[in-house]
Amino acid sequence: MSTLSVRLPNSLHQQIRELAKREGISINQFISTAAAEKLSALMTEEYLEKRASRASRAKLEDALSKLPDVEPEEYDQL
């Protein structure tokens, strides 16, 4: 495990302290979780961008052409 020293504005530190206390976790755990959530969001964005770059309009249209042409259920209509 690594140690990291981070300078935070007092107001941010106070909010983190209060939220961590409310959640019953340490400030370290709160910040670790927040960093992991942000990292996950950014990595997901990159993953989706890579997947989108491999997309093919022709393959999409081919897949859609195999679906039956029926009206949606009443509860599913706009």
PDB file of N, CA and C in Angstrom:
ATOM      1  N   MET A   1       0.842  -1.168   0.000  1.00  0.00           N
ATOM      2  CA  MET A   1       0.000   0.000   0.000  1.00  0.00           C
ATOM      3  C   MET A   1       0.893   1.238   0.000  1.00  0.00           C
ATOM      4  N   SER A   2       0.467   2.266  -0.687  1.00  0.00           N
ATOM      5  CA  SER A   2       1.239   3.499  -0.798  1.00  0.00           C
ATOM      6  C   SER A   2       0.668   4.587   0.082  1.00  0.00           C
ATOM      7  N   THR A   3       1.526   5.536   0.407  1.00  0.00           N
ATOM      8  CA  THR A   3       1.106   6.712   1.167  1.00  0.00           C
ATOM      9  C   THR A   3       1.173   7.905   0.232  1.00  0.00           C
ATOM     10  N   LEU A   4       0.157   8.745   0.300  1.00  0.00           N
ATOM     11  CA  LEU A   4       0.081   9.915  -0.557  1.00  0.00           C
ATOM     12  C   LEU A   4      -0.344  11.099   0.297  1.00  0.00           C
ATOM     13  N   SER A   5       0.401  12.168   0.205  1.00  0.00           N
ATOM     14  CA  SER A   5       0.059  13.386   0.929  1.00  0.00           C
ATOM     15  C   SER A   5      -0.675  14.306  -0.037  1.00  0.00           C
ATOM     16  N   VAL A   6      -1.865  14.727   0.350  1.00  0.00           N
ATOM     17  CA  VAL A   6      -2.699  15.567  -0.527  1.00  0.00           C
ATOM     18  C   VAL A   6      -3.083  16.835   0.223  1.00  0.00           C
ATOM     19  N   ARG A   7      -2.925  17.951  -0.427  1.00  0.00           N
ATOM     20  CA  ARG A   7      -3.347  19.227   0.167  1.00  0.00           C
ATOM     21  C   ARG A   7      -4.772  19.504  -0.302  1.00  0.00           C
ATOM     22  N   LEU A   8      -5.653  19.730   0.650  1.00  0.00           N
ATOM     23  CA  LEU A   8      -7.059  20.009   0.349  1.00  0.00           C
ATOM     24  C   LEU A   8      -7.465  21.342   0.965  1.00  0.00           C
ATOM     25  N   PRO A   9      -8.340  22.059   0.324  1.00  0.00           N
ATOM     26  CA  PRO A   9      -8.901  23.244   0.975  1.00  0.00           C
ATOM     27  C   PRO A   9      -9.628  22.809   2.258  1.00  0.00           C
ATOM     28  N   ASN A  10      -9.579  23.661   3.260  1.00  0.00           N
ATOM     29  CA  ASN A  10     -10.207  23.316   4.542  1.00  0.00           C
ATOM     30  C   ASN A  10     -11.677  22.949   4.389  1.00  0.00           C
ATOM     31  N   SER A  11     -12.387  23.663   3.534  1.00  0.00           N
ATOM     32  CA  SER A  11     -13.820  23.391   3.374  1.00  0.00           C
ATOM     33  C   SER A  11     -14.061  21.989   2.795  1.00  0.00           C
ATOM     34  N   LEU A  12     -13.231  21.595   1.848  1.00  0.00           N
ATOM     35  CA  LEU A  12     -13.364  20.258   1.253  1.00  0.00           C
ATOM     36  C   LEU A  12     -13.016  19.185   2.283  1.00  0.00           C
ATOM     37  N   HIS A  13     -11.953  19.418   3.017  1.00  0.00           N
ATOM     38  CA  HIS A  13     -11.547  18.467   4.059  1.00  0.00           C
ATOM     39  C   HIS A  13     -12.671  18.290   5.082  1.00  0.00           C
ATOM     40  N   GLN A  14     -13.280  19.381   5.481  1.00  0.00           N
ATOM     41  CA  GLN A  14     -14.375  19.319   6.458  1.00  0.00           C
ATOM     42  C   GLN A  14     -15.558  18.517   5.906  1.00  0.00           C
ATOM     43  N   GLN A  15     -15.916  18.748   4.656  1.00  0.00           N
ATOM     44  CA  GLN A  15     -17.029  18.002   4.056  1.00  0.00           C
ATOM     45  C   GLN A  15     -16.709  16.520   3.969  1.00  0.00           C
ATOM     46  N   ILE A  16     -15.490  16.187   3.589  1.00  0.00           N
ATOM     47  CA  ILE A  16     -15.082  14.784   3.518  1.00  0.00           C
ATOM     48  C   ILE A  16     -15.132  14.158   4.903  1.00  0.00           C
ATOM     49  N   ARG A  17     -14.626  14.875   5.895  1.00  0.00           N
ATOM     50  CA  ARG A  17     -14.634  14.363   7.269  1.00  0.00           C
ATOM     51  C   ARG A  17     -16.078  14.058   7.717  1.00  0.00           C
ATOM     52  N   GLU A  18     -16.979  14.988   7.444  1.00  0.00           N
ATOM     53  CA  GLU A  18     -18.378  14.805   7.859  1.00  0.00           C
ATOM     54  C   GLU A  18     -19.036  13.630   7.127  1.00  0.00           C
ATOM     55  N   LEU A  19     -18.818  13.538   5.821  1.00  0.00           N
ATOM     56  CA  LEU A  19     -19.415  12.437   5.053  1.00  0.00           C
ATOM     57  C   LEU A  19     -18.843  11.090   5.460  1.00  0.00           C
ATOM     58  N   ALA A  20     -17.543  11.045   5.675  1.00  0.00           N
ATOM     59  CA  ALA A  20     -16.913   9.789   6.093  1.00  0.00           C
ATOM     60  C   ALA A  20     -17.474   9.351   7.451  1.00  0.00           C
ATOM     61  N   LYS A  21     -17.610  10.300   8.359  1.00  0.00           N
ATOM     62  CA  LYS A  21     -18.163   9.977   9.682  1.00  0.00           C
ATOM     63  C   LYS A  21     -19.596   9.462   9.546  1.00  0.00           C
ATOM     64  N   ARG A  22     -20.378  10.136   8.718  1.00  0.00           N
ATOM     65  CA  ARG A  22     -21.773   9.719   8.508  1.00  0.00           C
ATOM     66  C   ARG A  22     -21.853   8.302   7.933  1.00  0.00           C
ATOM     67  N   GLU A  23     -20.912   7.969   7.037  1.00  0.00           N
ATOM     68  CA  GLU A  23     -20.883   6.646   6.415  1.00  0.00           C
ATOM     69  C   GLU A  23     -20.215   5.600   7.306  1.00  0.00           C
ATOM     70  N   GLY A  24     -19.580   6.038   8.377  1.00  0.00           N
ATOM     71  CA  GLY A  24     -18.928   5.108   9.284  1.00  0.00           C
ATOM     72  C   GLY A  24     -17.619   4.556   8.740  1.00  0.00           C
ATOM     73  N   ILE A  25     -16.919   5.365   7.938  1.00  0.00           N
ATOM     74  CA  ILE A  25     -15.655   4.941   7.358  1.00  0.00           C
ATOM     75  C   ILE A  25     -14.590   5.999   7.646  1.00  0.00           C
ATOM     76  N   SER A  26     -13.339   5.640   7.444  1.00  0.00           N
ATOM     77  CA  SER A  26     -12.248   6.595   7.648  1.00  0.00           C
ATOM     78  C   SER A  26     -12.167   7.554   6.458  1.00  0.00           C
ATOM     79  N   ILE A  27     -11.489   8.663   6.689  1.00  0.00           N
ATOM     80  CA  ILE A  27     -11.258   9.611   5.598  1.00  0.00           C
ATOM     81  C   ILE A  27     -10.434   8.927   4.501  1.00  0.00           C
ATOM     82  N   ASN A  28      -9.458   8.119   4.900  1.00  0.00           N
ATOM     83  CA  ASN A  28      -8.655   7.402   3.911  1.00  0.00           C
ATOM     84  C   ASN A  28      -9.521   6.505   3.033  1.00  0.00           C
ATOM     85  N   GLN A  29     -10.428   5.774   3.665  1.00  0.00           N
ATOM     86  CA  GLN A  29     -11.312   4.887   2.900  1.00  0.00           C
ATOM     87  C   GLN A  29     -12.217   5.697   1.984  1.00  0.00           C
ATOM     88  N   PHE A  30     -12.721   6.822   2.473  1.00  0.00           N
ATOM     89  CA  PHE A  30     -13.582   7.684   1.663  1.00  0.00           C
ATOM     90  C   PHE A  30     -12.840   8.154   0.413  1.00  0.00           C
ATOM     91  N   ILE A  31     -11.613   8.651   0.595  1.00  0.00           N
ATOM     92  CA  ILE A  31     -10.842   9.177  -0.533  1.00  0.00           C
ATOM     93  C   ILE A  31     -10.426   8.050  -1.478  1.00  0.00           C
ATOM     94  N   SER A  32     -10.071   6.887  -0.935  1.00  0.00           N
ATOM     95  CA  SER A  32      -9.725   5.741  -1.786  1.00  0.00           C
ATOM     96  C   SER A  32     -10.905   5.334  -2.648  1.00  0.00           C
ATOM     97  N   THR A  33     -12.086   5.289  -2.052  1.00  0.00           N
ATOM     98  CA  THR A  33     -13.292   4.920  -2.793  1.00  0.00           C
ATOM     99  C   THR A  33     -13.622   5.960  -3.858  1.00  0.00           C
ATOM    100  N   ALA A  34     -13.490   7.230  -3.497  1.00  0.00           N
ATOM    101  CA  ALA A  34     -13.770   8.304  -4.460  1.00  0.00           C
ATOM    102  C   ALA A  34     -12.809   8.230  -5.642  1.00  0.00           C
ATOM    103  N   ALA A  35     -11.536   7.977  -5.365  1.00  0.00           N
ATOM    104  CA  ALA A  35     -10.554   7.865  -6.450  1.00  0.00           C
ATOM    105  C   ALA A  35     -10.861   6.657  -7.330  1.00  0.00           C
ATOM    106  N   ALA A  36     -11.242   5.541  -6.718  1.00  0.00           N
ATOM    107  CA  ALA A  36     -11.573   4.340  -7.488  1.00  0.00           C
ATOM    108  C   ALA A  36     -12.795   4.577  -8.370  1.00  0.00           C
ATOM    109  N   GLU A  37     -13.794   5.279  -7.844  1.00  0.00           N
ATOM    110  CA  GLU A  37     -14.996   5.575  -8.639  1.00  0.00           C
ATOM    111  C   GLU A  37     -14.655   6.457  -9.833  1.00  0.00           C
ATOM    112  N   LYS A  38     -13.826   7.465  -9.627  1.00  0.00           N
ATOM    113  CA  LYS A  38     -13.434   8.361 -10.719  1.00  0.00           C
ATOM    114  C   LYS A  38     -12.624   7.600 -11.772  1.00  0.00           C
ATOM    115  N   LEU A  39     -11.705   6.784 -11.316  1.00  0.00           N
ATOM    116  CA  LEU A  39     -10.893   5.979 -12.228  1.00  0.00           C
ATOM    117  C   LEU A  39     -11.772   5.050 -13.058  1.00  0.00           C
ATOM    118  N   SER A  40     -12.737   4.428 -12.414  1.00  0.00           N
ATOM    119  CA  SER A  40     -13.652   3.527 -13.109  1.00  0.00           C
ATOM    120  C   SER A  40     -14.451   4.277 -14.173  1.00  0.00           C
ATOM    121  N   ALA A  41     -14.928   5.463 -13.834  1.00  0.00           N
ATOM    122  CA  ALA A  41     -15.699   6.256 -14.796  1.00  0.00           C
ATOM    123  C   ALA A  41     -14.849   6.621 -16.009  1.00  0.00           C
ATOM    124  N   LEU A  42     -13.624   7.050 -15.772  1.00  0.00           N
ATOM    125  CA  LEU A  42     -12.754   7.432 -16.891  1.00  0.00           C
ATOM    126  C   LEU A  42     -12.375   6.232 -17.744  1.00  0.00           C
ATOM    127  N   MET A  43     -12.109   5.105 -17.108  1.00  0.00           N
ATOM    128  CA  MET A  43     -11.756   3.907 -17.867  1.00  0.00           C
ATOM    129  C   MET A  43     -12.948   3.398 -18.675  1.00  0.00           C
ATOM    130  N   THR A  44     -14.139   3.521 -18.128  1.00  0.00           N
ATOM    131  CA  THR A  44     -15.335   3.115 -18.852  1.00  0.00           C
ATOM    132  C   THR A  44     -15.524   3.984 -20.086  1.00  0.00           C
ATOM    133  N   GLU A  45     -15.305   5.272 -19.940  1.00  0.00           N
ATOM    134  CA  GLU A  45     -15.426   6.188 -21.072  1.00  0.00           C
ATOM    135  C   GLU A  45     -14.446   5.799 -22.184  1.00  0.00           C
ATOM    136  N   GLU A  46     -13.203   5.519 -21.809  1.00  0.00           N
ATOM    137  CA  GLU A  46     -12.205   5.101 -22.800  1.00  0.00           C
ATOM    138  C   GLU A  46     -12.613   3.793 -23.475  1.00  0.00           C
ATOM    139  N   TYR A  47     -13.099   2.841 -22.688  1.00  0.00           N
ATOM    140  CA  TYR A  47     -13.539   1.553 -23.232  1.00  0.00           C
ATOM    141  C   TYR A  47     -14.659   1.753 -24.253  1.00  0.00           C
ATOM    142  N   LEU A  48     -15.644   2.572 -23.905  1.00  0.00           N
ATOM    143  CA  LEU A  48     -16.762   2.800 -24.819  1.00  0.00           C
ATOM    144  C   LEU A  48     -16.322   3.515 -26.092  1.00  0.00           C
ATOM    145  N   GLU A  49     -15.374   4.448 -25.962  1.00  0.00           N
ATOM    146  CA  GLU A  49     -14.865   5.128 -27.148  1.00  0.00           C
ATOM    147  C   GLU A  49     -14.154   4.138 -28.082  1.00  0.00           C
ATOM    148  N   LYS A  50     -13.373   3.225 -27.511  1.00  0.00           N
ATOM    149  CA  LYS A  50     -12.689   2.217 -28.331  1.00  0.00           C
ATOM    150  C   LYS A  50     -13.694   1.311 -29.020  1.00  0.00           C
ATOM    151  N   ARG A  51     -14.722   0.879 -28.276  1.00  0.00           N
ATOM    152  CA  ARG A  51     -15.758   0.018 -28.857  1.00  0.00           C
ATOM    153  C   ARG A  51     -16.494   0.744 -29.967  1.00  0.00           C
ATOM    154  N   ALA A  52     -16.811   2.007 -29.750  1.00  0.00           N
ATOM    155  CA  ALA A  52     -17.543   2.783 -30.755  1.00  0.00           C
ATOM    156  C   ALA A  52     -16.711   2.952 -32.025  1.00  0.00           C
ATOM    157  N   SER A  53     -15.393   3.058 -31.875  1.00  0.00           N
ATOM    158  CA  SER A  53     -14.546   3.240 -33.058  1.00  0.00           C
ATOM    159  C   SER A  53     -14.536   1.993 -33.943  1.00  0.00           C
ATOM    160  N   ARG A  54     -14.892   0.841 -33.366  1.00  0.00           N
ATOM    161  CA  ARG A  54     -14.934  -0.400 -34.148  1.00  0.00           C
ATOM    162  C   ARG A  54     -16.332  -0.674 -34.720  1.00  0.00           C
ATOM    163  N   ALA A  55     -17.259   0.220 -34.453  1.00  0.00           N
ATOM    164  CA  ALA A  55     -18.645  -0.009 -34.877  1.00  0.00           C
ATOM    165  C   ALA A  55     -18.769   0.001 -36.400  1.00  0.00           C
ATOM    166  N   SER A  56     -19.777  -0.696 -36.868  1.00  0.00           N
ATOM    167  CA  SER A  56     -20.027  -0.768 -38.302  1.00  0.00           C
ATOM    168  C   SER A  56     -21.513  -0.513 -38.549  1.00  0.00           C
ATOM    169  N   ARG A  57     -21.801   0.505 -39.328  1.00  0.00           N
ATOM    170  CA  ARG A  57     -23.199   0.824 -39.660  1.00  0.00           C
ATOM    171  C   ARG A  57     -23.844  -0.341 -40.401  1.00  0.00           C
ATOM    172  N   ALA A  58     -23.094  -0.972 -41.273  1.00  0.00           N
ATOM    173  CA  ALA A  58     -23.626  -2.093 -42.059  1.00  0.00           C
ATOM    174  C   ALA A  58     -24.004  -3.263 -41.145  1.00  0.00           C
ATOM    175  N   LYS A  59     -23.156  -3.568 -40.159  1.00  0.00           N
ATOM    176  CA  LYS A  59     -23.470  -4.666 -39.240  1.00  0.00           C
ATOM    177  C   LYS A  59     -24.689  -4.342 -38.387  1.00  0.00           C
ATOM    178  N   LEU A  60     -24.822  -3.075 -37.979  1.00  0.00           N
ATOM    179  CA  LEU A  60     -26.005  -2.667 -37.214  1.00  0.00           C
ATOM    180  C   LEU A  60     -27.262  -2.855 -38.049  1.00  0.00           C
ATOM    181  N   GLU A  61     -27.240  -2.371 -39.268  1.00  0.00           N
ATOM    182  CA  GLU A  61     -28.411  -2.492 -40.126  1.00  0.00           C
ATOM    183  C   GLU A  61     -28.728  -3.956 -40.425  1.00  0.00           C
ATOM    184  N   ASP A  62     -27.704  -4.787 -40.577  1.00  0.00           N
ATOM    185  CA  ASP A  62     -27.918  -6.215 -40.794  1.00  0.00           C
ATOM    186  C   ASP A  62     -28.601  -6.847 -39.582  1.00  0.00           C
ATOM    187  N   ALA A  63     -28.133  -6.511 -38.394  1.00  0.00           N
ATOM    188  CA  ALA A  63     -28.743  -7.059 -37.173  1.00  0.00           C
ATOM    189  C   ALA A  63     -30.184  -6.578 -37.027  1.00  0.00           C
ATOM    190  N   LEU A  64     -30.427  -5.303 -37.294  1.00  0.00           N
ATOM    191  CA  LEU A  64     -31.786  -4.764 -37.178  1.00  0.00           C
ATOM    192  C   LEU A  64     -32.731  -5.384 -38.199  1.00  0.00           C
ATOM    193  N   SER A  65     -32.218  -5.726 -39.364  1.00  0.00           N
ATOM    194  CA  SER A  65     -33.066  -6.308 -40.412  1.00  0.00           C
ATOM    195  C   SER A  65     -33.579  -7.695 -40.017  1.00  0.00           C
ATOM    196  N   LYS A  66     -32.942  -8.333 -39.054  1.00  0.00           N
ATOM    197  CA  LYS A  66     -33.354  -9.666 -38.614  1.00  0.00           C
ATOM    198  C   LYS A  66     -34.448  -9.631 -37.550  1.00  0.00           C
ATOM    199  N   LEU A  67     -34.755  -8.439 -37.060  1.00  0.00           N
ATOM    200  CA  LEU A  67     -35.802  -8.313 -36.043  1.00  0.00           C
ATOM    201  C   LEU A  67     -37.166  -8.261 -36.715  1.00  0.00           C
ATOM    202  N   PRO A  68     -38.189  -8.811 -36.072  1.00  0.00           N
ATOM    203  CA  PRO A  68     -39.528  -8.748 -36.661  1.00  0.00           C
ATOM    204  C   PRO A  68     -40.052  -7.313 -36.652  1.00  0.00           C
ATOM    205  N   ASP A  69     -40.804  -6.976 -37.681  1.00  0.00           N
ATOM    206  CA  ASP A  69     -41.376  -5.637 -37.811  1.00  0.00           C
ATOM    207  C   ASP A  69     -42.767  -5.639 -37.186  1.00  0.00           C
ATOM    208  N   VAL A  70     -42.818  -5.408 -35.882  1.00  0.00           N
ATOM    209  CA  VAL A  70     -44.090  -5.414 -35.159  1.00  0.00           C
ATOM    210  C   VAL A  70     -44.202  -4.138 -34.341  1.00  0.00           C
ATOM    211  N   GLU A  71     -45.429  -3.777 -34.041  1.00  0.00           N
ATOM    212  CA  GLU A  71     -45.677  -2.611 -33.203  1.00  0.00           C
ATOM    213  C   GLU A  71     -45.246  -2.927 -31.758  1.00  0.00           C
ATOM    214  N   PRO A  72     -44.721  -1.949 -31.045  1.00  0.00           N
ATOM    215  CA  PRO A  72     -44.353  -2.198 -29.647  1.00  0.00           C
ATOM    216  C   PRO A  72     -45.595  -2.387 -28.795  1.00  0.00           C
ATOM    217  N   GLU A  73     -45.406  -3.050 -27.652  1.00  0.00           N
ATOM    218  CA  GLU A  73     -46.495  -3.188 -26.698  1.00  0.00           C
ATOM    219  C   GLU A  73     -46.971  -1.799 -26.295  1.00  0.00           C
ATOM    220  N   GLU A  74     -48.220  -1.690 -25.889  1.00  0.00           N
ATOM    221  CA  GLU A  74     -48.786  -0.384 -25.545  1.00  0.00           C
ATOM    222  C   GLU A  74     -47.976   0.332 -24.475  1.00  0.00           C
ATOM    223  N   TYR A  75     -47.505  -0.400 -23.466  1.00  0.00           N
ATOM    224  CA  TYR A  75     -46.747   0.214 -22.377  1.00  0.00           C
ATOM    225  C   TYR A  75     -45.357   0.686 -22.820  1.00  0.00           C
ATOM    226  N   ASP A  76     -44.929   0.260 -24.001  1.00  0.00           N
ATOM    227  CA  ASP A  76     -43.601   0.583 -24.485  1.00  0.00           C
ATOM    228  C   ASP A  76     -43.609   1.612 -25.600  1.00  0.00           C
ATOM    229  N   GLN A  77     -44.753   2.204 -25.882  1.00  0.00           N
ATOM    230  CA  GLN A  77     -44.852   3.192 -26.937  1.00  0.00           C
ATOM    231  C   GLN A  77     -44.579   4.582 -26.397  1.00  0.00           C
ATOM    232  N   LEU A  78     -44.076   5.430 -27.273  1.00  0.00           N
ATOM    233  CA  LEU A  78     -43.833   6.833 -26.893  1.00  0.00           C
ATOM    234  C   LEU A  78     -45.107   7.614 -26.946  1.00  0.00           C
TER     235      LEU A  78
END
